[in-house]
Protein backbone atom coordinates (compact mmCIF):
# COMPACT_ATOMS: atom_id res chain seq x y z
CA MET A 1 -7.62 2.97 -16.04
CA SER A 2 -10.76 1.83 -16.33
CA TYR A 3 -12.51 -0.95 -13.52
CA ASP A 4 -15.77 -1.56 -15.12
CA LYS A 5 -15.37 -5.42 -14.78
CA LEU A 6 -14.06 -5.17 -11.69
CA ASP A 7 -16.46 -7.24 -9.36
CA VAL A 8 -16.55 -5.60 -5.75
CA THR A 9 -18.53 -8.62 -3.47
CA LYS A 10 -16.44 -11.16 -5.85
CA SER A 11 -13.26 -9.20 -5.26
CA ALA A 12 -14.10 -9.55 -1.43
CA MET A 13 -14.98 -12.71 -1.30
CA SER A 14 -12.24 -14.03 -3.03
CA PHE A 15 -9.66 -12.05 -0.75
CA GLY A 16 -11.13 -13.41 2.91
CA LYS A 17 -10.96 -16.91 1.45
CA GLU A 18 -7.16 -15.96 0.89
CA LEU A 19 -6.97 -14.39 4.40
CA ILE A 20 -8.63 -17.67 5.70
CA GLY A 21 -6.16 -19.69 3.91
CA ARG A 22 -3.16 -17.51 5.13
CA GLY A 23 -4.78 -17.62 8.43
CA ILE A 24 -5.14 -14.08 9.05
CA LEU A 25 -8.76 -14.44 9.71
CA GLU A 26 -11.08 -17.54 10.65
CA GLN A 27 -14.54 -18.00 8.80
CA THR A 28 -16.63 -16.50 11.97
CA ASP A 29 -14.70 -13.06 11.09
CA LEU A 30 -16.30 -13.01 7.79
CA ALA A 31 -19.51 -12.31 9.41
CA ASN A 32 -18.39 -9.26 11.62
CA PRO A 33 -17.13 -6.64 10.20
CA SER A 34 -15.40 -5.33 13.68
CA LEU A 35 -13.36 -8.09 13.66
CA ILE A 36 -12.00 -7.91 10.16
CA TYR A 37 -11.10 -4.32 10.51
CA SER A 38 -9.37 -4.85 14.06
CA LYS A 39 -7.50 -7.98 12.47
CA LEU A 40 -6.46 -6.88 8.78
CA GLU A 41 -5.76 -3.26 10.38
CA SER A 42 -2.30 -3.90 11.28
CA VAL A 43 -1.35 -6.24 8.89
CA TYR A 44 -1.80 -4.85 5.41
CA PRO A 45 1.04 -2.42 5.68
CA ASP A 46 2.62 -6.52 5.50
CA LEU A 47 0.69 -7.88 3.08
CA GLN A 48 1.90 -8.20 -1.06
CA PRO A 49 -0.81 -7.92 -3.40
CA ALA A 50 0.30 -10.72 -5.56
CA ASP A 51 0.21 -13.05 -2.62
CA PHE A 52 -3.41 -12.66 -2.80
CA GLY A 53 -4.05 -12.63 -7.00
CA ILE A 54 -4.45 -8.55 -6.78
CA ASP A 55 -2.63 -7.71 -9.87
CA LYS A 56 -2.36 -3.86 -10.35
CA TYR A 57 -2.74 -0.77 -7.76
CA ILE A 58 -6.80 -0.33 -7.88
CA ASP A 59 -7.76 3.70 -6.67
CA LYS A 60 -10.51 4.02 -4.41
CA SER A 61 -13.32 4.61 -7.37
CA PRO A 62 -14.55 1.05 -7.25
CA LEU A 63 -15.05 1.22 -3.46
CA THR A 64 -16.70 4.61 -3.86
CA GLU A 65 -18.99 3.74 -6.54
CA PHE A 66 -20.01 0.51 -4.22
CA ARG A 67 -20.44 2.85 -0.72
CA LYS A 68 -22.43 5.07 -3.22
CA THR A 69 -24.84 2.03 -3.99
CA GLU A 70 -25.26 0.76 -0.65
CA ASN A 71 -26.70 2.46 2.41
CA ILE A 72 -23.93 1.20 4.51
CA LEU A 73 -26.62 2.12 7.74
CA GLN A 74 -28.73 -0.25 6.78
CA ALA A 75 -26.51 -2.87 5.48
CA SER A 76 -26.72 -6.32 6.69
CA HIS A 77 -23.32 -7.71 8.68
CA LYS A 78 -22.68 -9.48 5.93
CA GLU A 79 -23.07 -6.86 3.13
CA GLN A 80 -20.22 -5.08 6.00
CA ALA A 81 -18.27 -7.72 6.05
CA GLN A 82 -17.96 -7.02 1.94
CA LEU A 83 -17.12 -3.77 2.41
CA ALA A 84 -14.80 -4.32 4.82
CA LEU A 85 -12.83 -6.93 3.02
CA PHE A 86 -13.02 -4.66 -0.08
CA THR A 87 -11.90 -2.08 1.99
CA TYR A 88 -9.16 -3.93 2.57
CA TYR A 89 -8.45 -5.37 -1.18
CA GLN A 90 -8.12 -1.77 -1.99
CA LEU A 91 -5.36 -1.19 0.65
CA VAL A 92 -3.64 -3.93 0.58
CA SER A 93 -3.44 -3.02 -3.86
CA GLU A 94 -1.68 0.16 -2.63
CA ASN A 95 1.74 -1.54 -1.53
CA TYR A 96 1.74 -1.72 -5.14
CA LEU A 97 2.89 2.19 -4.83
CA ASN A 98 5.44 1.96 -1.72
CA PHE A 99 8.98 2.11 -2.51
CA ASN A 100 11.19 1.69 0.73
CA PHE A 101 14.40 3.64 1.43
CA HIS A 102 16.69 3.62 4.48
CA LEU A 103 19.05 6.56 5.62
CA ASP A 104 21.70 5.81 7.49
CA GLU A 105 23.19 7.93 10.08
CA ARG A 106 26.65 8.06 7.58
CA ARG A 107 24.35 9.71 4.70
CA LEU A 108 23.70 6.48 2.75
CA VAL A 109 20.62 5.73 0.98
CA GLN A 110 19.83 1.83 0.92
CA TYR A 111 17.37 0.59 -1.56
CA ASN A 112 16.39 -3.11 -1.78
CA ASN A 113 19.07 -3.89 1.28
CA GLN A 114 21.66 -2.86 -0.79
CA ASP A 115 23.57 1.39 -0.73
CA LEU A 116 22.55 3.24 -3.61
CA PRO A 117 24.39 5.56 -4.48
CA ILE A 118 23.04 9.26 -4.56
CA ASN A 119 24.09 10.29 -8.33
CA SER A 120 21.89 6.45 -9.32
CA LEU A 121 18.89 7.79 -6.78
CA GLU A 122 16.93 9.22 -10.10
CA ALA A 123 18.00 6.57 -12.33
CA VAL A 124 16.89 3.71 -10.00
CA ILE A 125 13.35 4.99 -8.79
CA PHE A 126 12.10 5.92 -12.69
CA GLU A 127 13.15 2.61 -12.98
CA GLU A 128 11.29 0.92 -10.68
CA ILE A 129 8.51 2.66 -11.43
CA GLU A 130 8.29 1.72 -14.70
CA LYS A 131 8.99 -2.23 -13.84
CA ARG A 132 5.40 -1.60 -11.73
CA SER A 133 3.69 0.41 -14.29
CA LYS A 134 2.11 -2.82 -15.37
CA HIS A 135 0.97 -2.86 -11.96
CA ASN A 136 -0.80 0.69 -12.14
CA VAL A 137 2.12 2.41 -10.55
CA ASP A 138 3.50 5.77 -12.35
CA VAL A 139 5.45 8.82 -11.17
CA GLY A 140 1.86 10.31 -10.02
CA ASN A 141 0.58 7.68 -7.41
CA ALA A 142 4.17 6.41 -6.51
CA ARG A 143 4.91 6.85 -3.12
CA MET A 144 8.48 6.74 -1.21
CA VAL A 145 8.80 5.43 2.21
CA LEU A 146 11.78 6.62 4.15
CA SER A 147 12.74 5.67 7.08
CA ALA A 148 15.81 6.28 8.82
CA ASP A 149 18.06 5.44 11.91
CA GLU A 150 17.86 7.09 15.14
CA TYR A 151 20.96 9.24 14.38
CA THR A 152 20.53 10.20 11.01
CA ASP A 153 20.96 13.74 10.13
CA PHE A 154 17.65 15.93 9.73
CA GLU A 155 19.30 17.87 7.01
CA PHE A 156 20.03 14.62 4.99
CA VAL A 157 16.32 13.49 4.87
CA THR A 158 15.54 16.68 3.90
CA PHE A 159 18.13 16.78 0.74
CA ILE A 160 17.00 13.41 0.05
CA THR A 161 12.98 14.45 -0.12
CA GLY A 162 14.39 17.63 -1.76
CA LYS A 163 15.92 15.20 -4.39
CA PHE A 164 12.19 13.35 -5.17
CA ARG A 165 10.60 17.16 -5.26
CA GLU A 166 12.46 17.92 -8.09
CA MET A 167 11.09 14.07 -9.37
CA GLY A 168 8.10 15.07 -9.37
CA LEU A 169 7.32 12.39 -6.67
CA ARG A 170 4.98 14.15 -4.13
CA GLN A 171 4.18 11.49 -1.51
CA VAL A 172 6.77 10.88 0.90
CA VAL A 173 6.36 8.75 3.75
CA TYR A 174 9.09 9.20 6.58
CA LYS A 175 9.51 7.19 9.69
CA ARG A 176 12.67 7.07 11.88
CA LYS A 177 13.80 4.13 13.43
CA GLY A 178 13.44 3.88 16.32
CA SER A 179 10.98 5.92 17.50
CA ASN A 180 7.14 5.42 17.47
């Protein structure tokens, strides 16, 4: 995917305006990179990219290229704030990669709050990845996010993650519900 036309500064400022419009940031925060980082750190996993005009997953290459051209330690607060905003712009775009599954103690898999039969798991996942392909999502970057009830057998979790491996899906995030 080519990012030649992606203007980091313009994207960051547009994202900042959207965040202000949604009450996540205040105008004065845009001059303080520390405030941007602290306010966005806890909320970015729940932000939907489409709500902010982000139409596809953006890998880290534009951010890496931008950082190569800037001396971060000598950058002004404004430039550091732009870097902070673009960092979270890229992180919010990663939410396109997340496919959320819930495993319960009865050995059921839920996707989009509906029970998903194990024998349909592969078909549903590949269909969902295909639906998101226009957002730059593919098997190589899709992230399976599993949550499980407190009493879900670990063997079942291992079984499901094994199914993901068989399908060539390598990014799996696991969190047990009710624990920190």
